Protein backbone atom coordinates (compact mmCIF):
# COMPACT_ATOMS: atom_id res chain seq x y z
CA MET A 1 -64.19 -26.81 -87.74
CA LYS A 2 -60.90 -27.31 -85.92
CA THR A 3 -61.25 -23.98 -84.11
CA ILE A 4 -64.78 -24.89 -83.02
CA LEU A 5 -63.56 -28.21 -81.63
CA PHE A 6 -60.68 -26.52 -79.80
CA PHE A 7 -63.01 -23.92 -78.32
CA ALA A 8 -65.41 -26.63 -77.17
CA ALA A 9 -62.48 -28.45 -75.57
CA TYR A 10 -61.39 -25.20 -73.93
CA LEU A 11 -64.83 -24.72 -72.39
CA LEU A 12 -64.73 -28.31 -71.14
CA VAL A 13 -61.29 -27.70 -69.60
CA ARG A 14 -62.51 -24.54 -67.88
CA ALA A 15 -65.50 -26.40 -66.47
CA LEU A 16 -63.24 -29.20 -65.25
CA ALA A 17 -60.71 -26.75 -63.80
CA SER A 18 -63.44 -25.00 -61.81
CA THR A 19 -63.83 -28.18 -59.75
CA TYR A 20 -60.15 -28.40 -58.77
CA ARG A 21 -58.71 -27.23 -55.47
CA PHE A 22 -55.09 -26.15 -55.67
CA ARG A 23 -53.13 -26.54 -52.45
CA SER A 24 -49.64 -25.49 -51.38
CA ALA A 25 -47.56 -25.10 -48.25
CA GLN A 26 -45.63 -22.27 -49.91
CA PRO A 27 -46.15 -18.75 -51.26
CA PRO A 28 -46.74 -18.49 -55.06
CA LEU A 29 -43.01 -18.97 -55.64
CA ALA A 30 -40.46 -20.29 -53.19
CA ASN A 31 -37.74 -17.82 -52.27
CA ALA A 32 -39.54 -14.92 -54.01
CA LYS A 33 -36.64 -12.49 -53.58
CA ALA A 34 -34.39 -14.77 -55.58
CA VAL A 35 -36.74 -14.77 -58.58
CA SER A 36 -37.98 -11.17 -58.52
CA GLY A 37 -36.11 -10.48 -61.77
CA GLY A 38 -37.75 -13.33 -63.68
CA TYR A 39 -37.54 -17.11 -63.78
CA VAL A 40 -38.28 -20.18 -65.87
CA LEU A 41 -40.35 -23.01 -64.40
CA ALA A 42 -39.13 -26.57 -64.97
CA ILE A 43 -41.90 -29.19 -65.03
CA TRP A 44 -42.22 -32.82 -66.13
CA HIS A 45 -44.39 -33.23 -69.23
CA GLN A 46 -46.48 -35.75 -67.29
CA ASN A 47 -47.88 -32.95 -65.11
CA LEU A 48 -48.32 -30.34 -67.85
CA PHE A 49 -52.12 -30.14 -67.73
CA ALA A 50 -52.37 -29.39 -64.02
CA GLY A 51 -49.29 -27.19 -64.22
CA ILE A 52 -50.87 -24.89 -66.81
CA LEU A 53 -54.11 -24.51 -64.89
CA ALA A 54 -52.34 -23.79 -61.59
CA GLN A 55 -50.60 -20.68 -62.95
CA ARG A 56 -52.72 -17.52 -62.95
CA ALA A 57 -49.89 -15.16 -63.92
CA ARG A 58 -49.02 -14.83 -67.60
CA HIS A 59 -46.12 -17.03 -68.70
CA CYS A 60 -44.22 -17.65 -71.90
CA VAL A 61 -44.56 -21.34 -72.81
CA MET A 62 -43.05 -23.57 -75.48
CA VAL A 63 -45.39 -25.94 -77.33
CA SER A 64 -44.55 -28.48 -80.03
CA ARG A 65 -45.41 -27.66 -83.66
CA SER A 66 -47.00 -31.09 -84.02
CA ARG A 67 -50.75 -31.57 -84.39
CA ASP A 68 -50.80 -32.87 -80.82
CA GLY A 69 -49.52 -29.47 -79.73
CA ASP A 70 -52.31 -27.52 -81.49
CA PRO A 71 -54.97 -27.93 -78.77
CA VAL A 72 -52.37 -27.23 -76.05
CA SER A 73 -51.37 -24.06 -77.86
CA PHE A 74 -55.01 -22.97 -78.19
CA LEU A 75 -55.67 -23.62 -74.50
CA CYS A 76 -52.56 -21.74 -73.35
CA ARG A 77 -53.44 -18.71 -75.45
CA ARG A 78 -57.01 -18.68 -74.18
CA LEU A 79 -55.64 -18.75 -70.63
CA GLY A 80 -53.55 -15.67 -71.39
CA HIS A 81 -50.11 -17.18 -71.90
CA GLU A 82 -47.67 -16.28 -74.68
CA VAL A 83 -47.09 -19.37 -76.83
CA LEU A 84 -43.91 -20.21 -78.74
CA ARG A 85 -44.15 -23.11 -81.20
CA GLY A 86 -41.17 -25.37 -81.64
CA SER A 87 -39.34 -28.41 -80.28
CA SER A 88 -36.02 -30.22 -80.55
CA ARG A 89 -34.70 -31.57 -83.86
CA LYS A 90 -35.88 -34.90 -85.21
CA LYS A 91 -33.43 -37.81 -85.28
CA ASP A 92 -32.82 -37.20 -89.00
CA GLY A 93 -31.65 -33.68 -88.21
CA ARG A 94 -34.73 -31.80 -89.45
CA ASP A 95 -35.43 -28.61 -87.53
CA LYS A 96 -38.84 -28.49 -85.82
CA GLY A 97 -38.62 -24.82 -84.91
CA GLY A 98 -36.77 -25.48 -81.67
CA LYS A 99 -33.99 -22.92 -82.20
CA LEU A 100 -36.40 -20.12 -83.09
CA ALA A 101 -38.67 -20.95 -80.14
CA LYS A 102 -35.65 -21.08 -77.83
CA ASP A 103 -34.44 -17.67 -79.03
CA GLN A 104 -37.94 -16.25 -78.54
CA MET A 105 -38.10 -17.71 -75.03
CA ILE A 106 -34.80 -16.05 -74.16
CA GLU A 107 -36.18 -12.71 -75.35
CA CYS A 108 -39.35 -13.22 -73.27
CA LEU A 109 -37.27 -13.99 -70.19
CA ARG A 110 -35.06 -10.96 -70.76
CA ARG A 111 -38.19 -8.79 -70.94
CA GLY A 112 -39.13 -10.02 -67.48
CA LEU A 113 -41.95 -12.33 -68.56
CA PRO A 114 -41.63 -15.63 -66.64
CA GLY A 115 -41.33 -18.80 -68.67
CA ALA A 116 -42.29 -22.45 -68.32
CA VAL A 117 -40.69 -25.47 -69.99
CA THR A 118 -41.51 -29.18 -69.95
CA VAL A 119 -37.94 -30.32 -69.44
CA ASP A 120 -38.44 -33.86 -70.81
CA GLY A 121 -40.91 -32.93 -73.57
CA PRO A 122 -42.36 -33.06 -76.07
CA SER A 123 -41.48 -36.69 -76.75
CA GLY A 124 -39.13 -37.85 -74.00
CA PRO A 125 -37.44 -39.87 -72.74
CA ALA A 126 -39.59 -39.33 -69.69
CA PHE A 127 -37.95 -37.77 -66.62
CA GLU A 128 -34.74 -36.89 -68.46
CA VAL A 129 -33.98 -33.16 -68.40
CA LYS A 130 -32.87 -31.85 -71.77
CA PRO A 131 -30.17 -29.14 -71.98
CA GLY A 132 -32.39 -26.45 -73.55
CA ILE A 133 -33.68 -25.02 -70.28
CA VAL A 134 -30.13 -24.72 -68.93
CA GLU A 135 -29.01 -22.76 -71.99
CA MET A 136 -32.05 -20.48 -71.88
CA ALA A 137 -31.57 -19.75 -68.18
CA ARG A 138 -27.86 -19.00 -68.72
CA LEU A 139 -28.38 -16.66 -71.68
CA ALA A 140 -31.35 -14.85 -70.13
CA ASP A 141 -29.70 -14.66 -66.70
CA VAL A 142 -32.73 -16.05 -64.85
CA PRO A 143 -32.98 -18.93 -62.37
CA VAL A 144 -34.63 -22.28 -63.07
CA VAL A 145 -37.44 -22.95 -60.57
CA PRO A 146 -38.37 -26.66 -60.21
CA TYR A 147 -42.16 -26.89 -60.29
CA LEU A 148 -44.53 -29.72 -59.37
CA SER A 149 -48.29 -29.91 -59.83
CA LEU A 150 -49.39 -33.24 -58.40
CA PRO A 151 -53.08 -34.25 -58.56
CA ARG A 152 -54.31 -36.56 -55.84
CA ARG A 153 -56.65 -38.43 -58.18
CA TYR A 154 -56.07 -38.63 -61.92
CA TRP A 155 -56.37 -40.69 -65.06
CA SER A 156 -53.06 -41.87 -66.48
CA PHE A 157 -52.81 -42.27 -70.27
CA PRO A 158 -50.75 -44.93 -72.10
CA SER A 159 -48.36 -42.32 -73.53
CA TRP A 160 -44.56 -42.13 -73.36
CA ASP A 161 -44.81 -40.11 -70.13
CA ALA A 162 -47.98 -41.68 -68.63
CA PHE A 163 -49.65 -38.26 -69.00
CA ARG A 164 -51.92 -37.32 -66.09
CA LEU A 165 -55.40 -35.80 -66.33
CA PRO A 166 -56.71 -34.79 -62.89
CA LYS A 167 -60.15 -36.17 -62.07
CA PRO A 168 -63.00 -33.78 -61.28
CA PHE A 169 -63.11 -32.32 -57.75
CA THR A 170 -59.62 -33.53 -56.89
CA ARG A 171 -56.98 -31.57 -55.02
CA ILE A 172 -53.80 -30.60 -56.83
CA ASP A 173 -50.69 -30.06 -54.71
CA ILE A 174 -48.40 -27.27 -55.92
CA VAL A 175 -44.75 -27.26 -54.82
CA TYR A 176 -41.81 -25.08 -55.91
CA GLY A 177 -38.17 -25.94 -55.43
CA ILE A 178 -35.21 -23.76 -54.57
CA PRO A 179 -34.18 -21.67 -57.62
CA ILE A 180 -31.21 -23.07 -59.53
CA HIS A 181 -28.88 -20.41 -60.95
CA VAL A 182 -26.81 -21.09 -64.07
CA PRO A 183 -23.84 -18.68 -64.23
CA ALA A 184 -23.20 -16.75 -67.42
CA ASP A 185 -19.76 -18.36 -67.79
CA ALA A 186 -21.09 -21.92 -67.59
CA GLN A 187 -19.78 -24.10 -70.43
CA PHE A 188 -21.76 -26.68 -72.38
CA SER A 189 -19.69 -29.36 -70.62
CA ASP A 190 -21.19 -28.08 -67.35
CA PHE A 191 -24.79 -28.53 -68.53
CA PRO A 192 -25.19 -32.19 -67.44
CA ARG A 193 -24.53 -31.13 -63.84
CA TYR A 194 -27.37 -28.60 -63.97
CA GLN A 195 -29.65 -31.04 -65.79
CA ALA A 196 -29.05 -33.58 -63.01
CA ALA A 197 -29.69 -30.92 -60.36
CA ILE A 198 -33.04 -30.04 -61.95
CA ALA A 199 -34.04 -33.71 -62.24
CA ASP A 200 -33.05 -34.40 -58.64
CA ALA A 201 -35.01 -31.35 -57.46
CA LEU A 202 -38.16 -32.44 -59.31
CA THR A 203 -37.87 -35.94 -57.86
CA ALA A 204 -37.43 -34.50 -54.37
CA LEU A 205 -40.49 -32.28 -54.82
CA GLY A 206 -42.61 -35.32 -55.59
CA LEU A 207 -41.42 -37.09 -52.47
CA SER A 208 -41.91 -34.01 -50.27
CA ALA A 209 -45.42 -33.38 -51.63
CA LYS A 210 -46.46 -36.95 -50.87
CA ALA A 211 -44.98 -36.69 -47.38
CA ALA A 212 -46.78 -33.38 -46.78
CA ARG A 213 -50.08 -35.00 -47.74
CA ARG A 214 -49.66 -37.60 -45.04
CA ILE A 215 -49.19 -35.02 -42.30
CA GLY A 216 -51.68 -32.48 -43.68
CA LYS A 217 -49.35 -29.53 -44.19
CA LEU A 218 -50.68 -28.39 -47.57
CA ALA A 219 -53.04 -25.45 -47.19
CA THR A 220 -55.60 -24.24 -49.72
CA THR A 221 -54.43 -21.39 -52.01
CA SER A 222 -57.34 -21.23 -54.46
């Protein structure tokens, strides 16, 4: 029964997605030469839904093992992405599969498959970048690419991140930031600096996308 419900939801998502118009002022990835050897996208959890649908290339994605993550996992697999299940430890120290999923993500990135991580997910705090993406980028020797998928019209849910569901027939602005490289010799004490850089870049992308809307510089890509 669960699989039937997930498949029905998937068909609904595909129907909804067919009404969206994705727009960008950039090529598929900013500074393509800098990420030709692989990359990991950094996105706020709030914009996850639009972010998944905007990516046509196959990515390796991390999804929580919780029941809330089950439909997301089903959707990502149906869209052709490789799904890794796991998230950070609970406050009582219990492992939720985060280490295994992180190790698997590093292997995916080393194989050249691009990755995508909700940097403040799966349970927040909202808009606070966690250190996992920095460690994965360092160990896999790939850059972090800040990534924004901003719908013009959307429903906002009363969740910890005010999760956004784009409304039918809306435009979704896609913006990529300058790749952020984490050197192999970076120490854990250096991670907060890279976390702040990623957060600042995502904030700047939101501001630039809104400014671009006002002057009409976002051109249709799909």
